[in-house]
Amino acid sequence: MATVTISLPDQIAKLVDTETKNQGFSTRSEFVRSLLRKYFAGEELKFEVFDSRPIDEIKLELAKTGKYNQEFIESITRGLTKSSKYVR
């Protein structure tokens, strides 16, 4: 993965930090990567409120799809527990 460094005015950086937390991303980088993916996919960039759900519910829904093995599901949910929406 390549590293790209950008400079932002303090006011914009604070907004990025606020949205990073509000949208449930654990880092600024995750937030910016998500925006860039949507931009390059031609998707409209609008923000929606993130409603956290119980981790066990998320695990169950992922397992029900039959698309993911247990190791992958555990990896995803471990990552979620580090998100600001789940850290207590």
PDB file of N, CA and C in Angstrom:
ATOM      1  N   MET A   1       0.846  -1.165   0.000  1.00  0.00           N
ATOM      2  CA  MET A   1       0.000   0.000   0.000  1.00  0.00           C
ATOM      3  C   MET A   1       0.893   1.230   0.000  1.00  0.00           C
ATOM      4  N   ALA A   2       0.588   2.181  -0.855  1.00  0.00           N
ATOM      5  CA  ALA A   2       1.354   3.427  -0.925  1.00  0.00           C
ATOM      6  C   ALA A   2       0.882   4.385   0.148  1.00  0.00           C
ATOM      7  N   THR A   3       1.789   5.234   0.592  1.00  0.00           N
ATOM      8  CA  THR A   3       1.451   6.267   1.573  1.00  0.00           C
ATOM      9  C   THR A   3       1.378   7.602   0.866  1.00  0.00           C
ATOM     10  N   VAL A   4       0.298   8.329   1.116  1.00  0.00           N
ATOM     11  CA  VAL A   4       0.110   9.670   0.558  1.00  0.00           C
ATOM     12  C   VAL A   4      -0.070  10.614   1.736  1.00  0.00           C
ATOM     13  N   THR A   5       0.708  11.653   1.787  1.00  0.00           N
ATOM     14  CA  THR A   5       0.615  12.614   2.871  1.00  0.00           C
ATOM     15  C   THR A   5      -0.028  13.890   2.360  1.00  0.00           C
ATOM     16  N   ILE A   6      -1.004  14.394   3.092  1.00  0.00           N
ATOM     17  CA  ILE A   6      -1.635  15.656   2.711  1.00  0.00           C
ATOM     18  C   ILE A   6      -1.608  16.605   3.903  1.00  0.00           C
ATOM     19  N   SER A   7      -1.621  17.883   3.606  1.00  0.00           N
ATOM     20  CA  SER A   7      -1.709  18.905   4.645  1.00  0.00           C
ATOM     21  C   SER A   7      -3.089  19.531   4.572  1.00  0.00           C
ATOM     22  N   LEU A   8      -3.703  19.702   5.725  1.00  0.00           N
ATOM     23  CA  LEU A   8      -5.032  20.291   5.800  1.00  0.00           C
ATOM     24  C   LEU A   8      -5.014  21.455   6.780  1.00  0.00           C
ATOM     25  N   PRO A   9      -5.806  22.477   6.510  1.00  0.00           N
ATOM     26  CA  PRO A   9      -5.958  23.526   7.515  1.00  0.00           C
ATOM     27  C   PRO A   9      -6.537  22.913   8.794  1.00  0.00           C
ATOM     28  N   ASP A  10      -6.210  23.473   9.938  1.00  0.00           N
ATOM     29  CA  ASP A  10      -6.670  22.920  11.210  1.00  0.00           C
ATOM     30  C   ASP A  10      -8.179  22.722  11.255  1.00  0.00           C
ATOM     31  N   GLN A  11      -8.920  23.681  10.731  1.00  0.00           N
ATOM     32  CA  GLN A  11     -10.380  23.602  10.765  1.00  0.00           C
ATOM     33  C   GLN A  11     -10.889  22.384   9.974  1.00  0.00           C
ATOM     34  N   ILE A  12     -10.299  22.138   8.820  1.00  0.00           N
ATOM     35  CA  ILE A  12     -10.696  20.977   8.008  1.00  0.00           C
ATOM     36  C   ILE A  12     -10.276  19.680   8.701  1.00  0.00           C
ATOM     37  N   ALA A  13      -9.078  19.659   9.269  1.00  0.00           N
ATOM     38  CA  ALA A  13      -8.610  18.459   9.970  1.00  0.00           C
ATOM     39  C   ALA A  13      -9.550  18.109  11.122  1.00  0.00           C
ATOM     40  N   LYS A  14     -10.042  19.118  11.833  1.00  0.00           N
ATOM     41  CA  LYS A  14     -10.984  18.866  12.928  1.00  0.00           C
ATOM     42  C   LYS A  14     -12.294  18.286  12.396  1.00  0.00           C
ATOM     43  N   LEU A  15     -12.753  18.804  11.261  1.00  0.00           N
ATOM     44  CA  LEU A  15     -13.969  18.256  10.641  1.00  0.00           C
ATOM     45  C   LEU A  15     -13.762  16.804  10.216  1.00  0.00           C
ATOM     46  N   VAL A  16     -12.591  16.517   9.649  1.00  0.00           N
ATOM     47  CA  VAL A  16     -12.268  15.137   9.251  1.00  0.00           C
ATOM     48  C   VAL A  16     -12.285  14.239  10.477  1.00  0.00           C
ATOM     49  N   ASP A  17     -11.677  14.689  11.573  1.00  0.00           N
ATOM     50  CA  ASP A  17     -11.661  13.886  12.796  1.00  0.00           C
ATOM     51  C   ASP A  17     -13.072  13.644  13.328  1.00  0.00           C
ATOM     52  N   THR A  18     -13.895  14.681  13.290  1.00  0.00           N
ATOM     53  CA  THR A  18     -15.274  14.547  13.765  1.00  0.00           C
ATOM     54  C   THR A  18     -16.049  13.553  12.917  1.00  0.00           C
ATOM     55  N   GLU A  19     -15.957  13.673  11.596  1.00  0.00           N
ATOM     56  CA  GLU A  19     -16.677  12.759  10.711  1.00  0.00           C
ATOM     57  C   GLU A  19     -16.113  11.350  10.787  1.00  0.00           C
ATOM     58  N   THR A  20     -14.798  11.230  10.963  1.00  0.00           N
ATOM     59  CA  THR A  20     -14.182   9.914  11.115  1.00  0.00           C
ATOM     60  C   THR A  20     -14.834   9.196  12.290  1.00  0.00           C
ATOM     61  N   LYS A  21     -14.961   9.894  13.398  1.00  0.00           N
ATOM     62  CA  LYS A  21     -15.574   9.311  14.590  1.00  0.00           C
ATOM     63  C   LYS A  21     -17.069   9.074  14.376  1.00  0.00           C
ATOM     64  N   ASN A  22     -17.769  10.071  13.837  1.00  0.00           N
ATOM     65  CA  ASN A  22     -19.222   9.956  13.653  1.00  0.00           C
ATOM     66  C   ASN A  22     -19.616   8.845  12.695  1.00  0.00           C
ATOM     67  N   GLN A  23     -18.783   8.596  11.697  1.00  0.00           N
ATOM     68  CA  GLN A  23     -19.093   7.577  10.699  1.00  0.00           C
ATOM     69  C   GLN A  23     -18.593   6.197  11.104  1.00  0.00           C
ATOM     70  N   GLY A  24     -17.924   6.102  12.256  1.00  0.00           N
ATOM     71  CA  GLY A  24     -17.510   4.801  12.768  1.00  0.00           C
ATOM     72  C   GLY A  24     -16.184   4.285  12.247  1.00  0.00           C
ATOM     73  N   PHE A  25     -15.389   5.150  11.628  1.00  0.00           N
ATOM     74  CA  PHE A  25     -14.070   4.734  11.163  1.00  0.00           C
ATOM     75  C   PHE A  25     -13.086   4.845  12.317  1.00  0.00           C
ATOM     76  N   SER A  26     -12.115   3.948  12.365  1.00  0.00           N
ATOM     77  CA  SER A  26     -11.160   3.987  13.465  1.00  0.00           C
ATOM     78  C   SER A  26      -9.989   4.934  13.196  1.00  0.00           C
ATOM     79  N   THR A  27      -9.763   5.279  11.925  1.00  0.00           N
ATOM     80  CA  THR A  27      -8.670   6.205  11.606  1.00  0.00           C
ATOM     81  C   THR A  27      -9.085   7.169  10.500  1.00  0.00           C
ATOM     82  N   ARG A  28      -8.348   8.265  10.419  1.00  0.00           N
ATOM     83  CA  ARG A  28      -8.555   9.222   9.324  1.00  0.00           C
ATOM     84  C   ARG A  28      -8.342   8.529   7.981  1.00  0.00           C
ATOM     85  N   SER A  29      -7.336   7.694   7.915  1.00  0.00           N
ATOM     86  CA  SER A  29      -7.013   7.022   6.657  1.00  0.00           C
ATOM     87  C   SER A  29      -8.181   6.178   6.155  1.00  0.00           C
ATOM     88  N   GLU A  30      -8.829   5.445   7.065  1.00  0.00           N
ATOM     89  CA  GLU A  30      -9.978   4.637   6.658  1.00  0.00           C
ATOM     90  C   GLU A  30     -11.079   5.524   6.098  1.00  0.00           C
ATOM     91  N   PHE A  31     -11.308   6.644   6.747  1.00  0.00           N
ATOM     92  CA  PHE A  31     -12.335   7.583   6.298  1.00  0.00           C
ATOM     93  C   PHE A  31     -12.026   8.119   4.902  1.00  0.00           C
ATOM     94  N   VAL A  32     -10.808   8.570   4.695  1.00  0.00           N
ATOM     95  CA  VAL A  32     -10.415   9.138   3.402  1.00  0.00           C
ATOM     96  C   VAL A  32     -10.426   8.063   2.314  1.00  0.00           C
ATOM     97  N   ARG A  33      -9.947   6.852   2.622  1.00  0.00           N
ATOM     98  CA  ARG A  33      -9.993   5.762   1.638  1.00  0.00           C
ATOM     99  C   ARG A  33     -11.423   5.477   1.203  1.00  0.00           C
ATOM    100  N   SER A  34     -12.329   5.486   2.159  1.00  0.00           N
ATOM    101  CA  SER A  34     -13.734   5.239   1.844  1.00  0.00           C
ATOM    102  C   SER A  34     -14.274   6.317   0.901  1.00  0.00           C
ATOM    103  N   LEU A  35     -13.964   7.568   1.175  1.00  0.00           N
ATOM    104  CA  LEU A  35     -14.403   8.663   0.301  1.00  0.00           C
ATOM    105  C   LEU A  35     -13.838   8.505  -1.106  1.00  0.00           C
ATOM    106  N   LEU A  36     -12.564   8.158  -1.190  1.00  0.00           N
ATOM    107  CA  LEU A  36     -11.933   8.012  -2.502  1.00  0.00           C
ATOM    108  C   LEU A  36     -12.521   6.835  -3.286  1.00  0.00           C
ATOM    109  N   ARG A  37     -12.783   5.727  -2.608  1.00  0.00           N
ATOM    110  CA  ARG A  37     -13.409   4.584  -3.287  1.00  0.00           C
ATOM    111  C   ARG A  37     -14.749   4.993  -3.887  1.00  0.00           C
ATOM    112  N   LYS A  38     -15.547   5.694  -3.099  1.00  0.00           N
ATOM    113  CA  LYS A  38     -16.857   6.132  -3.577  1.00  0.00           C
ATOM    114  C   LYS A  38     -16.719   7.113  -4.729  1.00  0.00           C
ATOM    115  N   TYR A  39     -15.783   8.014  -4.630  1.00  0.00           N
ATOM    116  CA  TYR A  39     -15.567   9.004  -5.687  1.00  0.00           C
ATOM    117  C   TYR A  39     -15.204   8.302  -7.000  1.00  0.00           C
ATOM    118  N   PHE A  40     -14.247   7.389  -6.938  1.00  0.00           N
ATOM    119  CA  PHE A  40     -13.800   6.716  -8.158  1.00  0.00           C
ATOM    120  C   PHE A  40     -14.827   5.725  -8.696  1.00  0.00           C
ATOM    121  N   ALA A  41     -15.739   5.279  -7.853  1.00  0.00           N
ATOM    122  CA  ALA A  41     -16.813   4.393  -8.297  1.00  0.00           C
ATOM    123  C   ALA A  41     -17.983   5.189  -8.860  1.00  0.00           C
ATOM    124  N   GLY A  42     -17.878   6.521  -8.805  1.00  0.00           N
ATOM    125  CA  GLY A  42     -18.934   7.376  -9.329  1.00  0.00           C
ATOM    126  C   GLY A  42     -20.133   7.496  -8.407  1.00  0.00           C
ATOM    127  N   GLU A  43     -19.959   7.078  -7.167  1.00  0.00           N
ATOM    128  CA  GLU A  43     -21.061   7.156  -6.217  1.00  0.00           C
ATOM    129  C   GLU A  43     -21.220   8.578  -5.691  1.00  0.00           C
ATOM    130  N   GLU A  44     -22.457   8.899  -5.364  1.00  0.00           N
ATOM    131  CA  GLU A  44     -22.721  10.187  -4.723  1.00  0.00           C
ATOM    132  C   GLU A  44     -22.143  10.117  -3.314  1.00  0.00           C
ATOM    133  N   LEU A  45     -21.441  11.161  -2.924  1.00  0.00           N
ATOM    134  CA  LEU A  45     -20.826  11.181  -1.604  1.00  0.00           C
ATOM    135  C   LEU A  45     -21.747  11.898  -0.619  1.00  0.00           C
ATOM    136  N   LYS A  46     -22.526  11.117   0.085  1.00  0.00           N
ATOM    137  CA  LYS A  46     -23.366  11.707   1.119  1.00  0.00           C
ATOM    138  C   LYS A  46     -23.125  10.953   2.409  1.00  0.00           C
ATOM    139  N   PHE A  47     -23.290  11.633   3.502  1.00  0.00           N
ATOM    140  CA  PHE A  47     -23.028  11.023   4.795  1.00  0.00           C
ATOM    141  C   PHE A  47     -24.331  10.569   5.436  1.00  0.00           C
ATOM    142  N   GLU A  48     -24.274   9.411   6.019  1.00  0.00           N
ATOM    143  CA  GLU A  48     -25.415   8.862   6.732  1.00  0.00           C
ATOM    144  C   GLU A  48     -24.997   8.610   8.172  1.00  0.00           C
ATOM    145  N   VAL A  49     -25.944   8.683   9.057  1.00  0.00           N
ATOM    146  CA  VAL A  49     -25.665   8.418  10.455  1.00  0.00           C
ATOM    147  C   VAL A  49     -25.376   6.934  10.631  1.00  0.00           C
ATOM    148  N   PHE A  50     -24.306   6.645  11.333  1.00  0.00           N
ATOM    149  CA  PHE A  50     -23.934   5.253  11.609  1.00  0.00           C
ATOM    150  C   PHE A  50     -24.605   4.820  12.900  1.00  0.00           C
ATOM    151  N   ASP A  51     -25.412   3.787  12.828  1.00  0.00           N
ATOM    152  CA  ASP A  51     -26.041   3.220  14.009  1.00  0.00           C
ATOM    153  C   ASP A  51     -25.330   1.922  14.345  1.00  0.00           C
ATOM    154  N   SER A  52     -24.638   1.931  15.467  1.00  0.00           N
ATOM    155  CA  SER A  52     -23.942   0.708  15.849  1.00  0.00           C
ATOM    156  C   SER A  52     -24.961  -0.348  16.279  1.00  0.00           C
ATOM    157  N   ARG A  53     -24.627  -1.582  15.981  1.00  0.00           N
ATOM    158  CA  ARG A  53     -25.467  -2.720  16.352  1.00  0.00           C
ATOM    159  C   ARG A  53     -24.612  -3.675  17.159  1.00  0.00           C
ATOM    160  N   PRO A  54     -25.222  -4.542  17.927  1.00  0.00           N
ATOM    161  CA  PRO A  54     -24.435  -5.491  18.715  1.00  0.00           C
ATOM    162  C   PRO A  54     -23.531  -6.343  17.805  1.00  0.00           C
ATOM    163  N   ILE A  55     -22.308  -6.527  18.250  1.00  0.00           N
ATOM    164  CA  ILE A  55     -21.323  -7.308  17.489  1.00  0.00           C
ATOM    165  C   ILE A  55     -21.858  -8.712  17.200  1.00  0.00           C
ATOM    166  N   ASP A  56     -22.508  -9.323  18.183  1.00  0.00           N
ATOM    167  CA  ASP A  56     -23.034 -10.685  17.972  1.00  0.00           C
ATOM    168  C   ASP A  56     -24.058 -10.710  16.842  1.00  0.00           C
ATOM    169  N   GLU A  57     -24.850  -9.654  16.724  1.00  0.00           N
ATOM    170  CA  GLU A  57     -25.838  -9.564  15.640  1.00  0.00           C
ATOM    171  C   GLU A  57     -25.137  -9.475  14.282  1.00  0.00           C
ATOM    172  N   ILE A  58     -24.070  -8.700  14.232  1.00  0.00           N
ATOM    173  CA  ILE A  58     -23.306  -8.554  12.992  1.00  0.00           C
ATOM    174  C   ILE A  58     -22.666  -9.890  12.608  1.00  0.00           C
ATOM    175  N   LYS A  59     -22.077 -10.578  13.586  1.00  0.00           N
ATOM    176  CA  LYS A  59     -21.479 -11.901  13.329  1.00  0.00           C
ATOM    177  C   LYS A  59     -22.509 -12.859  12.741  1.00  0.00           C
ATOM    178  N   LEU A  60     -23.681 -12.886  13.354  1.00  0.00           N
ATOM    179  CA  LEU A  60     -24.740 -13.788  12.901  1.00  0.00           C
ATOM    180  C   LEU A  60     -25.157 -13.480  11.467  1.00  0.00           C
ATOM    181  N   GLU A  61     -25.328 -12.197  11.153  1.00  0.00           N
ATOM    182  CA  GLU A  61     -25.726 -11.820   9.796  1.00  0.00           C
ATOM    183  C   GLU A  61     -24.661 -12.182   8.766  1.00  0.00           C
ATOM    184  N   LEU A  62     -23.392 -11.976   9.110  1.00  0.00           N
ATOM    185  CA  LEU A  62     -22.316 -12.358   8.190  1.00  0.00           C
ATOM    186  C   LEU A  62     -22.295 -13.873   7.984  1.00  0.00           C
ATOM    187  N   ALA A  63     -22.472 -14.619   9.059  1.00  0.00           N
ATOM    188  CA  ALA A  63     -22.462 -16.083   8.954  1.00  0.00           C
ATOM    189  C   ALA A  63     -23.636 -16.588   8.114  1.00  0.00           C
ATOM    190  N   LYS A  64     -24.790 -15.968   8.257  1.00  0.00           N
ATOM    191  CA  LYS A  64     -25.981 -16.390   7.519  1.00  0.00           C
ATOM    192  C   LYS A  64     -25.816 -16.281   6.009  1.00  0.00           C
ATOM    193  N   THR A  65     -24.964 -15.368   5.554  1.00  0.00           N
ATOM    194  CA  THR A  65     -24.793 -15.211   4.110  1.00  0.00           C
ATOM    195  C   THR A  65     -24.127 -16.429   3.487  1.00  0.00           C
ATOM    196  N   GLY A  66     -23.323 -17.142   4.288  1.00  0.00           N
ATOM    197  CA  GLY A  66     -22.597 -18.292   3.775  1.00  0.00           C
ATOM    198  C   GLY A  66     -21.393 -17.911   2.925  1.00  0.00           C
ATOM    199  N   LYS A  67     -21.099 -16.634   2.838  1.00  0.00           N
ATOM    200  CA  LYS A  67     -19.997 -16.162   1.992  1.00  0.00           C
ATOM    201  C   LYS A  67     -18.660 -16.096   2.737  1.00  0.00           C
ATOM    202  N   TYR A  68     -18.692 -16.089   4.053  1.00  0.00           N
ATOM    203  CA  TYR A  68     -17.488 -15.812   4.828  1.00  0.00           C
ATOM    204  C   TYR A  68     -17.190 -16.939   5.800  1.00  0.00           C
ATOM    205  N   ASN A  69     -15.898 -17.260   5.941  1.00  0.00           N
ATOM    206  CA  ASN A  69     -15.531 -18.265   6.934  1.00  0.00           C
ATOM    207  C   ASN A  69     -15.434 -17.602   8.312  1.00  0.00           C
ATOM    208  N   GLN A  70     -15.396 -18.434   9.335  1.00  0.00           N
ATOM    209  CA  GLN A  70     -15.410 -17.930  10.715  1.00  0.00           C
ATOM    210  C   GLN A  70     -14.196 -17.050  11.015  1.00  0.00           C
ATOM    211  N   GLU A  71     -13.051 -17.391  10.469  1.00  0.00           N
ATOM    212  CA  GLU A  71     -11.839 -16.603  10.706  1.00  0.00           C
ATOM    213  C   GLU A  71     -12.015 -15.177  10.176  1.00  0.00           C
ATOM    214  N   PHE A  72     -12.601 -15.055   8.986  1.00  0.00           N
ATOM    215  CA  PHE A  72     -12.843 -13.739   8.404  1.00  0.00           C
ATOM    216  C   PHE A  72     -13.835 -12.951   9.261  1.00  0.00           C
ATOM    217  N   ILE A  73     -14.907 -13.599   9.677  1.00  0.00           N
ATOM    218  CA  ILE A  73     -15.924 -12.934  10.494  1.00  0.00           C
ATOM    219  C   ILE A  73     -15.310 -12.428  11.802  1.00  0.00           C
ATOM    220  N   GLU A  74     -14.492 -13.259  12.423  1.00  0.00           N
ATOM    221  CA  GLU A  74     -13.835 -12.840  13.670  1.00  0.00           C
ATOM    222  C   GLU A  74     -12.903 -11.659  13.419  1.00  0.00           C
ATOM    223  N   SER A  75     -12.221 -11.667  12.291  1.00  0.00           N
ATOM    224  CA  SER A  75     -11.325 -10.567  11.943  1.00  0.00           C
ATOM    225  C   SER A  75     -12.103  -9.255  11.789  1.00  0.00           C
ATOM    226  N   ILE A  76     -13.223  -9.322  11.094  1.00  0.00           N
ATOM    227  CA  ILE A  76     -14.054  -8.138  10.889  1.00  0.00           C
ATOM    228  C   ILE A  76     -14.572  -7.616  12.219  1.00  0.00           C
ATOM    229  N   THR A  77     -15.075  -8.486  13.033  1.00  0.00           N
ATOM    230  CA  THR A  77     -15.659  -8.031  14.296  1.00  0.00           C
ATOM    231  C   THR A  77     -14.591  -7.554  15.283  1.00  0.00           C
ATOM    232  N   ARG A  78     -13.404  -8.128  15.227  1.00  0.00           N
ATOM    233  CA  ARG A  78     -12.301  -7.596  16.052  1.00  0.00           C
ATOM    234  C   ARG A  78     -11.989  -6.164  15.635  1.00  0.00           C
ATOM    235  N   GLY A  79     -11.984  -5.925  14.327  1.00  0.00           N
ATOM    236  CA  GLY A  79     -11.747  -4.573  13.831  1.00  0.00           C
ATOM    237  C   GLY A  79     -12.833  -3.607  14.274  1.00  0.00           C
ATOM    238  N   LEU A  80     -14.079  -4.055  14.236  1.00  0.00           N
ATOM    239  CA  LEU A  80     -15.183  -3.205  14.675  1.00  0.00           C
ATOM    240  C   LEU A  80     -15.046  -2.812  16.139  1.00  0.00           C
ATOM    241  N   THR A  81     -14.572  -3.739  16.959  1.00  0.00           N
ATOM    242  CA  THR A  81     -14.454  -3.442  18.398  1.00  0.00           C
ATOM    243  C   THR A  81     -13.429  -2.345  18.660  1.00  0.00           C
ATOM    244  N   LYS A  82     -12.573  -2.057  17.701  1.00  0.00           N
ATOM    245  CA  LYS A  82     -11.588  -0.982  17.848  1.00  0.00           C
ATOM    246  C   LYS A  82     -12.126   0.355  17.342  1.00  0.00           C
ATOM    247  N   SER A  83     -13.278   0.305  16.681  1.00  0.00           N
ATOM    248  CA  SER A  83     -13.896   1.514  16.156  1.00  0.00           C
ATOM    249  C   SER A  83     -14.426   2.371  17.300  1.00  0.00           C
ATOM    250  N   SER A  84     -14.398   3.678  17.114  1.00  0.00           N
ATOM    251  CA  SER A  84     -14.859   4.587  18.168  1.00  0.00           C
ATOM    252  C   SER A  84     -16.325   4.355  18.531  1.00  0.00           C
ATOM    253  N   LYS A  85     -17.100   3.779  17.651  1.00  0.00           N
ATOM    254  CA  LYS A  85     -18.503   3.508  17.960  1.00  0.00           C
ATOM    255  C   LYS A  85     -18.670   2.323  18.893  1.00  0.00           C
ATOM    256  N   TYR A  86     -17.622   1.508  19.045  1.00  0.00           N
ATOM    257  CA  TYR A  86     -17.726   0.320  19.894  1.00  0.00           C
ATOM    258  C   TYR A  86     -16.805   0.371  21.107  1.00  0.00           C
ATOM    259  N   VAL A  87     -15.780   1.181  21.066  1.00  0.00           N
ATOM    260  CA  VAL A  87     -14.864   1.269  22.204  1.00  0.00           C
ATOM    261  C   VAL A  87     -15.595   1.952  23.350  1.00  0.00           C
ATOM    262  N   ARG A  88     -15.522   1.373  24.491  1.00  0.00           N
ATOM    263  CA  ARG A  88     -16.223   1.951  25.650  1.00  0.00           C
ATOM    264  C   ARG A  88     -15.271   2.713  26.522  1.00  0.00           C
TER     265      ARG A  88
END
